[in-house]
PDB file of N, CA and C in Angstrom:
ATOM      1  N   MET A   1      93.556  29.684  63.847  1.00  0.00           N
ATOM      2  CA  MET A   1      93.324  31.071  63.536  1.00  0.00           C
ATOM      3  C   MET A   1      93.724  31.357  62.090  1.00  0.00           C
ATOM      4  N   LEU A   2      94.838  30.807  61.644  1.00  0.00           N
ATOM      5  CA  LEU A   2      95.307  31.017  60.282  1.00  0.00           C
ATOM      6  C   LEU A   2      94.333  30.419  59.277  1.00  0.00           C
ATOM      7  N   ALA A   3      93.753  29.259  59.586  1.00  0.00           N
ATOM      8  CA  ALA A   3      92.793  28.629  58.683  1.00  0.00           C
ATOM      9  C   ALA A   3      91.538  29.480  58.552  1.00  0.00           C
ATOM     10  N   LEU A   4      91.112  30.098  59.633  1.00  0.00           N
ATOM     11  CA  LEU A   4      89.935  30.960  59.606  1.00  0.00           C
ATOM     12  C   LEU A   4      90.187  32.192  58.728  1.00  0.00           C
ATOM     13  N   ALA A   5      91.382  32.776  58.791  1.00  0.00           N
ATOM     14  CA  ALA A   5      91.728  33.931  57.982  1.00  0.00           C
ATOM     15  C   ALA A   5      91.787  33.565  56.510  1.00  0.00           C
ATOM     16  N   GLN A   6      92.311  32.380  56.174  1.00  0.00           N
ATOM     17  CA  GLN A   6      92.363  31.957  54.776  1.00  0.00           C
ATOM     18  C   GLN A   6      90.970  31.676  54.234  1.00  0.00           C
ATOM     19  N   THR A   7      90.090  31.127  55.041  1.00  0.00           N
ATOM     20  CA  THR A   7      88.724  30.855  54.603  1.00  0.00           C
ATOM     21  C   THR A   7      87.983  32.164  54.334  1.00  0.00           C
ATOM     22  N   ALA A   8      88.147  33.134  55.202  1.00  0.00           N
ATOM     23  CA  ALA A   8      87.495  34.424  55.005  1.00  0.00           C
ATOM     24  C   ALA A   8      88.053  35.122  53.769  1.00  0.00           C
ATOM     25  N   ASN A   9      89.345  34.972  53.511  1.00  0.00           N
ATOM     26  CA  ASN A   9      89.957  35.614  52.361  1.00  0.00           C
ATOM     27  C   ASN A   9      89.424  35.028  51.058  1.00  0.00           C
ATOM     28  N   THR A  10      89.250  33.742  50.963  1.00  0.00           N
ATOM     29  CA  THR A  10      88.747  33.138  49.728  1.00  0.00           C
ATOM     30  C   THR A  10      87.264  33.419  49.547  1.00  0.00           C
ATOM     31  N   ALA A  11      86.531  33.610  50.610  1.00  0.00           N
ATOM     32  CA  ALA A  11      85.106  33.896  50.499  1.00  0.00           C
ATOM     33  C   ALA A  11      84.882  35.321  49.986  1.00  0.00           C
ATOM     34  N   ASP A  12      85.818  36.234  50.231  1.00  0.00           N
ATOM     35  CA  ASP A  12      85.661  37.621  49.815  1.00  0.00           C
ATOM     36  C   ASP A  12      86.063  37.867  48.368  1.00  0.00           C
ATOM     37  N   THR A  13      86.819  36.983  47.790  1.00  0.00           N
ATOM     38  CA  THR A  13      87.254  37.186  46.412  1.00  0.00           C
ATOM     39  C   THR A  13      86.220  36.605  45.463  1.00  0.00           C
ATOM     40  N   MET A  14      86.141  37.185  44.285  1.00  0.00           N
ATOM     41  CA  MET A  14      85.215  36.659  43.292  1.00  0.00           C
ATOM     42  C   MET A  14      86.016  36.061  42.145  1.00  0.00           C
ATOM     43  N   SER A  15      85.391  35.158  41.468  1.00  0.00           N
ATOM     44  CA  SER A  15      86.061  34.518  40.347  1.00  0.00           C
ATOM     45  C   SER A  15      86.079  35.470  39.152  1.00  0.00           C
ATOM     46  N   ALA A  16      86.851  35.103  38.162  1.00  0.00           N
ATOM     47  CA  ALA A  16      86.945  35.917  36.957  1.00  0.00           C
ATOM     48  C   ALA A  16      85.604  35.973  36.226  1.00  0.00           C
ATOM     49  N   GLU A  17      84.874  34.876  36.240  1.00  0.00           N
ATOM     50  CA  GLU A  17      83.571  34.850  35.582  1.00  0.00           C
ATOM     51  C   GLU A  17      82.589  35.784  36.281  1.00  0.00           C
ATOM     52  N   GLN A  18      82.624  35.810  37.596  1.00  0.00           N
ATOM     53  CA  GLN A  18      81.731  36.703  38.335  1.00  0.00           C
ATOM     54  C   GLN A  18      82.114  38.164  38.084  1.00  0.00           C
ATOM     55  N   GLY A  19      83.384  38.426  38.013  1.00  0.00           N
ATOM     56  CA  GLY A  19      83.841  39.783  37.734  1.00  0.00           C
ATOM     57  C   GLY A  19      83.426  40.249  36.352  1.00  0.00           C
ATOM     58  N   MET A  20      83.533  39.378  35.364  1.00  0.00           N
ATOM     59  CA  MET A  20      83.123  39.737  34.006  1.00  0.00           C
ATOM     60  C   MET A  20      81.612  39.941  33.919  1.00  0.00           C
ATOM     61  N   ALA A  21      80.854  39.116  34.646  1.00  0.00           N
ATOM     62  CA  ALA A  21      79.400  39.276  34.647  1.00  0.00           C
ATOM     63  C   ALA A  21      79.015  40.615  35.280  1.00  0.00           C
ATOM     64  N   LEU A  22      79.682  40.970  36.363  1.00  0.00           N
ATOM     65  CA  LEU A  22      79.418  42.248  37.005  1.00  0.00           C
ATOM     66  C   LEU A  22      79.795  43.402  36.077  1.00  0.00           C
ATOM     67  N   PHE A  23      80.929  43.293  35.418  1.00  0.00           N
ATOM     68  CA  PHE A  23      81.376  44.321  34.469  1.00  0.00           C
ATOM     69  C   PHE A  23      80.390  44.454  33.310  1.00  0.00           C
ATOM     70  N   ALA A  24      79.908  43.334  32.781  1.00  0.00           N
ATOM     71  CA  ALA A  24      78.945  43.358  31.678  1.00  0.00           C
ATOM     72  C   ALA A  24      77.625  43.966  32.133  1.00  0.00           C
ATOM     73  N   GLY A  25      77.214  43.663  33.336  1.00  0.00           N
ATOM     74  CA  GLY A  25      75.975  44.233  33.865  1.00  0.00           C
ATOM     75  C   GLY A  25      76.050  45.744  33.977  1.00  0.00           C
ATOM     76  N   PHE A  26      77.182  46.250  34.485  1.00  0.00           N
ATOM     77  CA  PHE A  26      77.360  47.691  34.565  1.00  0.00           C
ATOM     78  C   PHE A  26      77.463  48.310  33.177  1.00  0.00           C
ATOM     79  N   GLY A  27      78.063  47.614  32.245  1.00  0.00           N
ATOM     80  CA  GLY A  27      78.163  48.119  30.878  1.00  0.00           C
ATOM     81  C   GLY A  27      76.799  48.271  30.233  1.00  0.00           C
ATOM     82  N   ILE A  28      75.945  47.282  30.420  1.00  0.00           N
ATOM     83  CA  ILE A  28      74.585  47.352  29.876  1.00  0.00           C
ATOM     84  C   ILE A  28      73.822  48.499  30.522  1.00  0.00           C
ATOM     85  N   LEU A  29      73.973  48.656  31.822  1.00  0.00           N
ATOM     86  CA  LEU A  29      73.304  49.743  32.534  1.00  0.00           C
ATOM     87  C   LEU A  29      73.757  51.105  32.015  1.00  0.00           C
ATOM     88  N   ILE A  30      75.033  51.266  31.790  1.00  0.00           N
ATOM     89  CA  ILE A  30      75.561  52.534  31.281  1.00  0.00           C
ATOM     90  C   ILE A  30      75.037  52.815  29.874  1.00  0.00           C
ATOM     91  N   VAL A  31      74.992  51.812  29.023  1.00  0.00           N
ATOM     92  CA  VAL A  31      74.482  51.991  27.663  1.00  0.00           C
ATOM     93  C   VAL A  31      73.010  52.387  27.692  1.00  0.00           C
ATOM     94  N   VAL A  32      72.216  51.743  28.533  1.00  0.00           N
ATOM     95  CA  VAL A  32      70.790  52.076  28.638  1.00  0.00           C
ATOM     96  C   VAL A  32      70.620  53.506  29.141  1.00  0.00           C
ATOM     97  N   MET A  33      71.400  53.894  30.139  1.00  0.00           N
ATOM     98  CA  MET A  33      71.302  55.254  30.673  1.00  0.00           C
ATOM     99  C   MET A  33      71.713  56.290  29.628  1.00  0.00           C
ATOM    100  N   LEU A  34      72.739  56.001  28.847  1.00  0.00           N
ATOM    101  CA  LEU A  34      73.158  56.920  27.787  1.00  0.00           C
ATOM    102  C   LEU A  34      72.093  57.040  26.694  1.00  0.00           C
ATOM    103  N   LEU A  35      71.435  55.943  26.355  1.00  0.00           N
ATOM    104  CA  LEU A  35      70.361  55.992  25.357  1.00  0.00           C
ATOM    105  C   LEU A  35      69.185  56.821  25.863  1.00  0.00           C
ATOM    106  N   ILE A  36      68.828  56.663  27.128  1.00  0.00           N
ATOM    107  CA  ILE A  36      67.749  57.456  27.704  1.00  0.00           C
ATOM    108  C   ILE A  36      68.120  58.934  27.701  1.00  0.00           C
ATOM    109  N   ALA A  37      69.356  59.255  28.058  1.00  0.00           N
ATOM    110  CA  ALA A  37      69.809  60.650  28.059  1.00  0.00           C
ATOM    111  C   ALA A  37      69.792  61.227  26.651  1.00  0.00           C
ATOM    112  N   LEU A  38      70.205  60.452  25.662  1.00  0.00           N
ATOM    113  CA  LEU A  38      70.213  60.920  24.281  1.00  0.00           C
ATOM    114  C   LEU A  38      68.799  61.176  23.772  1.00  0.00           C
ATOM    115  N   VAL A  39      67.877  60.266  24.051  1.00  0.00           N
ATOM    116  CA  VAL A  39      66.487  60.442  23.628  1.00  0.00           C
ATOM    117  C   VAL A  39      65.880  61.670  24.297  1.00  0.00           C
ATOM    118  N   THR A  40      66.167  61.861  25.579  1.00  0.00           N
ATOM    119  CA  THR A  40      65.677  63.032  26.301  1.00  0.00           C
ATOM    120  C   THR A  40      66.219  64.319  25.690  1.00  0.00           C
ATOM    121  N   PHE A  41      67.505  64.347  25.388  1.00  0.00           N
ATOM    122  CA  PHE A  41      68.126  65.527  24.802  1.00  0.00           C
ATOM    123  C   PHE A  41      67.541  65.834  23.426  1.00  0.00           C
ATOM    124  N   VAL A  42      67.377  64.829  22.596  1.00  0.00           N
ATOM    125  CA  VAL A  42      66.822  65.028  21.249  1.00  0.00           C
ATOM    126  C   VAL A  42      65.383  65.522  21.343  1.00  0.00           C
ATOM    127  N   PHE A  43      64.595  64.958  22.253  1.00  0.00           N
ATOM    128  CA  PHE A  43      63.210  65.402  22.422  1.00  0.00           C
ATOM    129  C   PHE A  43      63.167  66.863  22.871  1.00  0.00           C
ATOM    130  N   SER A  44      64.053  67.240  23.777  1.00  0.00           N
ATOM    131  CA  SER A  44      64.096  68.621  24.254  1.00  0.00           C
ATOM    132  C   SER A  44      64.485  69.589  23.138  1.00  0.00           C
ATOM    133  N   ILE A  45      65.458  69.212  22.340  1.00  0.00           N
ATOM    134  CA  ILE A  45      65.865  70.048  21.202  1.00  0.00           C
ATOM    135  C   ILE A  45      64.721  70.164  20.195  1.00  0.00           C
ATOM    136  N   TRP A  46      64.010  69.070  19.961  1.00  0.00           N
ATOM    137  CA  TRP A  46      62.874  69.075  19.045  1.00  0.00           C
ATOM    138  C   TRP A  46      61.802  70.065  19.525  1.00  0.00           C
ATOM    139  N   MET A  47      61.541  70.090  20.836  1.00  0.00           N
ATOM    140  CA  MET A  47      60.534  70.997  21.378  1.00  0.00           C
ATOM    141  C   MET A  47      61.001  72.456  21.298  1.00  0.00           C
ATOM    142  N   ILE A  48      62.297  72.700  21.497  1.00  0.00           N
ATOM    143  CA  ILE A  48      62.806  74.077  21.366  1.00  0.00           C
ATOM    144  C   ILE A  48      62.695  74.552  19.917  1.00  0.00           C
ATOM    145  N   VAL A  49      63.045  73.705  18.976  1.00  0.00           N
ATOM    146  CA  VAL A  49      62.922  74.063  17.561  1.00  0.00           C
ATOM    147  C   VAL A  49      61.459  74.319  17.216  1.00  0.00           C
ATOM    148  N   ASP A  50      60.563  73.505  17.750  1.00  0.00           N
ATOM    149  CA  ASP A  50      59.138  73.701  17.517  1.00  0.00           C
ATOM    150  C   ASP A  50      58.680  75.046  18.082  1.00  0.00           C
ATOM    151  N   ALA A  51      59.168  75.398  19.274  1.00  0.00           N
ATOM    152  CA  ALA A  51      58.800  76.678  19.883  1.00  0.00           C
ATOM    153  C   ALA A  51      59.305  77.850  19.041  1.00  0.00           C
ATOM    154  N   PHE A  52      60.507  77.737  18.505  1.00  0.00           N
ATOM    155  CA  PHE A  52      61.038  78.801  17.643  1.00  0.00           C
ATOM    156  C   PHE A  52      60.206  78.960  16.371  1.00  0.00           C
ATOM    157  N   ASN A  53      59.731  77.860  15.818  1.00  0.00           N
ATOM    158  CA  ASN A  53      59.023  77.901  14.542  1.00  0.00           C
ATOM    159  C   ASN A  53      57.550  78.272  14.664  1.00  0.00           C
ATOM    160  N   ARG A  54      56.986  78.220  15.841  1.00  0.00           N
ATOM    161  CA  ARG A  54      55.561  78.549  16.019  1.00  0.00           C
ATOM    162  C   ARG A  54      55.338  80.051  16.045  1.00  0.00           C
ATOM    163  N   LYS A  55      54.127  80.420  15.712  1.00  0.00           N
ATOM    164  CA  LYS A  55      53.734  81.824  15.775  1.00  0.00           C
ATOM    165  C   LYS A  55      53.351  82.159  17.216  1.00  0.00           C
ATOM    166  N   GLU A  56      53.416  83.427  17.539  1.00  0.00           N
ATOM    167  CA  GLU A  56      53.088  83.890  18.897  1.00  0.00           C
ATOM    168  C   GLU A  56      51.654  83.539  19.275  1.00  0.00           C
ATOM    169  N   GLU A  57      50.750  83.516  18.328  1.00  0.00           N
ATOM    170  CA  GLU A  57      49.334  83.229  18.605  1.00  0.00           C
ATOM    171  C   GLU A  57      49.101  81.800  19.073  1.00  0.00           C
ATOM    172  N   ASP A  58      50.022  80.885  18.768  1.00  0.00           N
ATOM    173  CA  ASP A  58      49.851  79.483  19.148  1.00  0.00           C
ATOM    174  C   ASP A  58      50.078  79.237  20.634  1.00  0.00           C
ATOM    175  N   PHE A  59      50.671  80.196  21.323  1.00  0.00           N
ATOM    176  CA  PHE A  59      50.993  80.019  22.734  1.00  0.00           C
ATOM    177  C   PHE A  59      49.851  80.552  23.574  1.00  0.00           C
ATOM    178  N   ALA A  60      49.446  79.771  24.581  1.00  0.00           N
ATOM    179  CA  ALA A  60      48.277  80.121  25.391  1.00  0.00           C
ATOM    180  C   ALA A  60      48.602  81.264  26.357  1.00  0.00           C
ATOM    181  N   SER A  61      48.821  80.946  27.603  1.00  0.00           N
ATOM    182  CA  SER A  61      49.016  81.986  28.617  1.00  0.00           C
ATOM    183  C   SER A  61      50.447  82.523  28.621  1.00  0.00           C
ATOM    184  N   LEU A  62      51.420  81.645  28.542  1.00  0.00           N
ATOM    185  CA  LEU A  62      52.806  82.092  28.475  1.00  0.00           C
ATOM    186  C   LEU A  62      53.142  82.444  27.033  1.00  0.00           C
ATOM    187  N   GLY A  63      54.032  83.360  26.867  1.00  0.00           N
ATOM    188  CA  GLY A  63      54.417  83.762  25.523  1.00  0.00           C
ATOM    189  C   GLY A  63      55.478  82.845  24.939  1.00  0.00           C
ATOM    190  N   LYS A  64      55.773  83.087  23.698  1.00  0.00           N
ATOM    191  CA  LYS A  64      56.772  82.313  22.978  1.00  0.00           C
ATOM    192  C   LYS A  64      58.135  82.426  23.643  1.00  0.00           C
ATOM    193  N   THR A  65      58.522  83.623  24.019  1.00  0.00           N
ATOM    194  CA  THR A  65      59.829  83.837  24.639  1.00  0.00           C
ATOM    195  C   THR A  65      59.948  83.088  25.955  1.00  0.00           C
ATOM    196  N   ALA A  66      58.883  83.093  26.748  1.00  0.00           N
ATOM    197  CA  ALA A  66      58.909  82.389  28.037  1.00  0.00           C
ATOM    198  C   ALA A  66      59.103  80.890  27.839  1.00  0.00           C
ATOM    199  N   TRP A  67      58.412  80.311  26.866  1.00  0.00           N
ATOM    200  CA  TRP A  67      58.566  78.878  26.622  1.00  0.00           C
ATOM    201  C   TRP A  67      59.972  78.539  26.140  1.00  0.00           C
ATOM    202  N   ILE A  68      60.540  79.377  25.304  1.00  0.00           N
ATOM    203  CA  ILE A  68      61.899  79.123  24.815  1.00  0.00           C
ATOM    204  C   ILE A  68      62.895  79.197  25.969  1.00  0.00           C
ATOM    205  N   ILE A  69      62.707  80.165  26.868  1.00  0.00           N
ATOM    206  CA  ILE A  69      63.591  80.264  28.032  1.00  0.00           C
ATOM    207  C   ILE A  69      63.422  79.053  28.947  1.00  0.00           C
ATOM    208  N   ILE A  70      62.183  78.643  29.194  1.00  0.00           N
ATOM    209  CA  ILE A  70      61.923  77.487  30.055  1.00  0.00           C
ATOM    210  C   ILE A  70      62.547  76.229  29.463  1.00  0.00           C
ATOM    211  N   LEU A  71      62.358  76.017  28.177  1.00  0.00           N
ATOM    212  CA  LEU A  71      62.901  74.813  27.533  1.00  0.00           C
ATOM    213  C   LEU A  71      64.422  74.847  27.489  1.00  0.00           C
ATOM    214  N   GLY A  72      64.984  75.992  27.168  1.00  0.00           N
ATOM    215  CA  GLY A  72      66.448  76.105  27.114  1.00  0.00           C
ATOM    216  C   GLY A  72      67.085  75.930  28.481  1.00  0.00           C
ATOM    217  N   ALA A  73      66.503  76.568  29.490  1.00  0.00           N
ATOM    218  CA  ALA A  73      67.034  76.424  30.848  1.00  0.00           C
ATOM    219  C   ALA A  73      66.857  74.999  31.349  1.00  0.00           C
ATOM    220  N   GLY A  74      65.787  74.355  30.919  1.00  0.00           N
ATOM    221  CA  GLY A  74      65.539  72.978  31.335  1.00  0.00           C
ATOM    222  C   GLY A  74      66.635  72.024  30.915  1.00  0.00           C
ATOM    223  N   ILE A  75      67.164  72.233  29.744  1.00  0.00           N
ATOM    224  CA  ILE A  75      68.245  71.367  29.272  1.00  0.00           C
ATOM    225  C   ILE A  75      69.476  71.527  30.151  1.00  0.00           C
ATOM    226  N   PHE A  76      69.806  72.767  30.488  1.00  0.00           N
ATOM    227  CA  PHE A  76      71.035  73.023  31.241  1.00  0.00           C
ATOM    228  C   PHE A  76      70.885  72.797  32.744  1.00  0.00           C
ATOM    229  N   LEU A  77      69.670  72.890  33.256  1.00  0.00           N
ATOM    230  CA  LEU A  77      69.475  72.738  34.691  1.00  0.00           C
ATOM    231  C   LEU A  77      68.965  71.358  35.100  1.00  0.00           C
ATOM    232  N   GLY A  78      68.686  70.498  34.133  1.00  0.00           N
ATOM    233  CA  GLY A  78      68.350  69.117  34.447  1.00  0.00           C
ATOM    234  C   GLY A  78      66.872  68.790  34.476  1.00  0.00           C
ATOM    235  N   TYR A  79      66.020  69.715  34.120  1.00  0.00           N
ATOM    236  CA  TYR A  79      64.595  69.404  34.060  1.00  0.00           C
ATOM    237  C   TYR A  79      64.070  69.512  32.630  1.00  0.00           C
ATOM    238  N   GLY A  80      64.922  69.245  31.684  1.00  0.00           N
ATOM    239  CA  GLY A  80      64.557  69.353  30.270  1.00  0.00           C
ATOM    240  C   GLY A  80      63.443  68.429  29.848  1.00  0.00           C
ATOM    241  N   LEU A  81      63.436  67.209  30.351  1.00  0.00           N
ATOM    242  CA  LEU A  81      62.392  66.261  29.973  1.00  0.00           C
ATOM    243  C   LEU A  81      61.047  66.718  30.508  1.00  0.00           C
ATOM    244  N   ILE A  82      61.021  67.188  31.744  1.00  0.00           N
ATOM    245  CA  ILE A  82      59.760  67.643  32.336  1.00  0.00           C
ATOM    246  C   ILE A  82      59.209  68.839  31.555  1.00  0.00           C
ATOM    247  N   ALA A  83      60.063  69.824  31.292  1.00  0.00           N
ATOM    248  CA  ALA A  83      59.627  71.010  30.552  1.00  0.00           C
ATOM    249  C   ALA A  83      59.190  70.645  29.139  1.00  0.00           C
ATOM    250  N   SER A  84      59.900  69.737  28.508  1.00  0.00           N
ATOM    251  CA  SER A  84      59.560  69.348  27.135  1.00  0.00           C
ATOM    252  C   SER A  84      58.244  68.598  27.069  1.00  0.00           C
ATOM    253  N   VAL A  85      58.005  67.724  28.027  1.00  0.00           N
ATOM    254  CA  VAL A  85      56.738  66.978  28.045  1.00  0.00           C
ATOM    255  C   VAL A  85      55.575  67.930  28.308  1.00  0.00           C
ATOM    256  N   ILE A  86      55.753  68.875  29.236  1.00  0.00           N
ATOM    257  CA  ILE A  86      54.696  69.851  29.500  1.00  0.00           C
ATOM    258  C   ILE A  86      54.442  70.695  28.259  1.00  0.00           C
ATOM    259  N   TYR A  87      55.494  71.148  27.585  1.00  0.00           N
ATOM    260  CA  TYR A  87      55.329  71.915  26.347  1.00  0.00           C
ATOM    261  C   TYR A  87      54.597  71.082  25.302  1.00  0.00           C
ATOM    262  N   PHE A  88      54.988  69.821  25.178  1.00  0.00           N
ATOM    263  CA  PHE A  88      54.354  68.939  24.196  1.00  0.00           C
ATOM    264  C   PHE A  88      52.853  68.811  24.466  1.00  0.00           C
ATOM    265  N   LEU A  89      52.486  68.620  25.740  1.00  0.00           N
ATOM    266  CA  LEU A  89      51.076  68.416  26.079  1.00  0.00           C
ATOM    267  C   LEU A  89      50.268  69.711  26.008  1.00  0.00           C
ATOM    268  N   VAL A  90      50.856  70.823  26.418  1.00  0.00           N
ATOM    269  CA  VAL A  90      50.115  72.080  26.501  1.00  0.00           C
ATOM    270  C   VAL A  90      50.074  72.810  25.160  1.00  0.00           C
ATOM    271  N   ILE A  91      51.169  72.846  24.449  1.00  0.00           N
ATOM    272  CA  ILE A  91      51.239  73.660  23.230  1.00  0.00           C
ATOM    273  C   ILE A  91      51.158  72.802  21.969  1.00  0.00           C
ATOM    274  N   LYS A  92      52.074  71.881  21.818  1.00  0.00           N
ATOM    275  CA  LYS A  92      52.185  71.152  20.546  1.00  0.00           C
ATOM    276  C   LYS A  92      50.975  70.275  20.275  1.00  0.00           C
ATOM    277  N   ARG A  93      50.607  69.445  21.218  1.00  0.00           N
ATOM    278  CA  ARG A  93      49.492  68.531  20.995  1.00  0.00           C
ATOM    279  C   ARG A  93      48.154  69.261  21.015  1.00  0.00           C
ATOM    280  N   LYS A  94      48.041  70.264  21.867  1.00  0.00           N
ATOM    281  CA  LYS A  94      46.790  70.992  21.986  1.00  0.00           C
ATOM    282  C   LYS A  94      46.472  71.787  20.733  1.00  0.00           C
ATOM    283  N   SER A  95      47.500  72.350  20.102  1.00  0.00           N
ATOM    284  CA  SER A  95      47.258  73.144  18.896  1.00  0.00           C
ATOM    285  C   SER A  95      46.834  72.260  17.730  1.00  0.00           C
ATOM    286  N   GLY A  96      47.281  71.017  17.742  1.00  0.00           N
ATOM    287  CA  GLY A  96      46.843  70.066  16.735  1.00  0.00           C
ATOM    288  C   GLY A  96      47.382  70.299  15.343  1.00  0.00           C
ATOM    289  N   LYS A  97      48.293  71.222  15.214  1.00  0.00           N
ATOM    290  CA  LYS A  97      48.870  71.463  13.888  1.00  0.00           C
ATOM    291  C   LYS A  97      50.379  71.458  13.993  1.00  0.00           C
ATOM    292  N   THR A  98      51.006  71.150  12.897  1.00  0.00           N
ATOM    293  CA  THR A  98      52.458  71.132  12.870  1.00  0.00           C
ATOM    294  C   THR A  98      52.953  72.514  12.514  1.00  0.00           C
ATOM    295  N   THR A  99      54.212  72.732  12.797  1.00  0.00           N
ATOM    296  CA  THR A  99      54.777  74.032  12.439  1.00  0.00           C
ATOM    297  C   THR A  99      54.943  74.100  10.933  1.00  0.00           C
ATOM    298  N   GLU A 100      54.789  75.282  10.418  1.00  0.00           N
ATOM    299  CA  GLU A 100      54.877  75.462   8.966  1.00  0.00           C
ATOM    300  C   GLU A 100      56.243  76.023   8.621  1.00  0.00           C
ATOM    301  N   THR A 101      56.890  75.396   7.690  1.00  0.00           N
ATOM    302  CA  THR A 101      58.162  75.926   7.189  1.00  0.00           C
ATOM    303  C   THR A 101      57.889  76.614   5.876  1.00  0.00           C
ATOM    304  N   SER A 102      58.695  77.575   5.568  1.00  0.00           N
ATOM    305  CA  SER A 102      58.505  78.293   4.313  1.00  0.00           C
ATOM    306  C   SER A 102      58.942  77.424   3.151  1.00  0.00           C
ATOM    307  N   SER A 103      58.049  77.254   2.241  1.00  0.00           N
ATOM    308  CA  SER A 103      58.378  76.466   1.057  1.00  0.00           C
ATOM    309  C   SER A 103      58.031  77.302  -0.177  1.00  0.00           C
ATOM    310  N   PRO A 104      58.822  77.156  -1.213  1.00  0.00           N
ATOM    311  CA  PRO A 104      58.518  77.919  -2.439  1.00  0.00           C
ATOM    312  C   PRO A 104      57.229  77.464  -3.085  1.00  0.00           C
ATOM    313  N   LYS A 105      56.479  78.439  -3.610  1.00  0.00           N
ATOM    314  CA  LYS A 105      55.191  78.088  -4.247  1.00  0.00           C
ATOM    315  C   LYS A 105      55.219  78.354  -5.721  1.00  0.00           C
TER     316      LYS A 105
END
């Protein structure tokens, strides 16, 4: 009985190399997830800035204020990427023009 308990105990433990490999795997996963979150956040901020800089005429059915609220709420409520991609496809890409900044002439 004692031999069976010792065999089960050694089978449940992992070596130091296996532990480091598992730790490295989780580390890579965390870094990839953080990069995806950062890219999503930057894209969402880019779309909000674009919405602020556009004229009211550039917005189709929803107004400028509605899009800014949707994009802003999306960041805080967790659907920022979805709202930003929809804004990009419906407003930014469809209009075909970039926002104009005031430049001295």
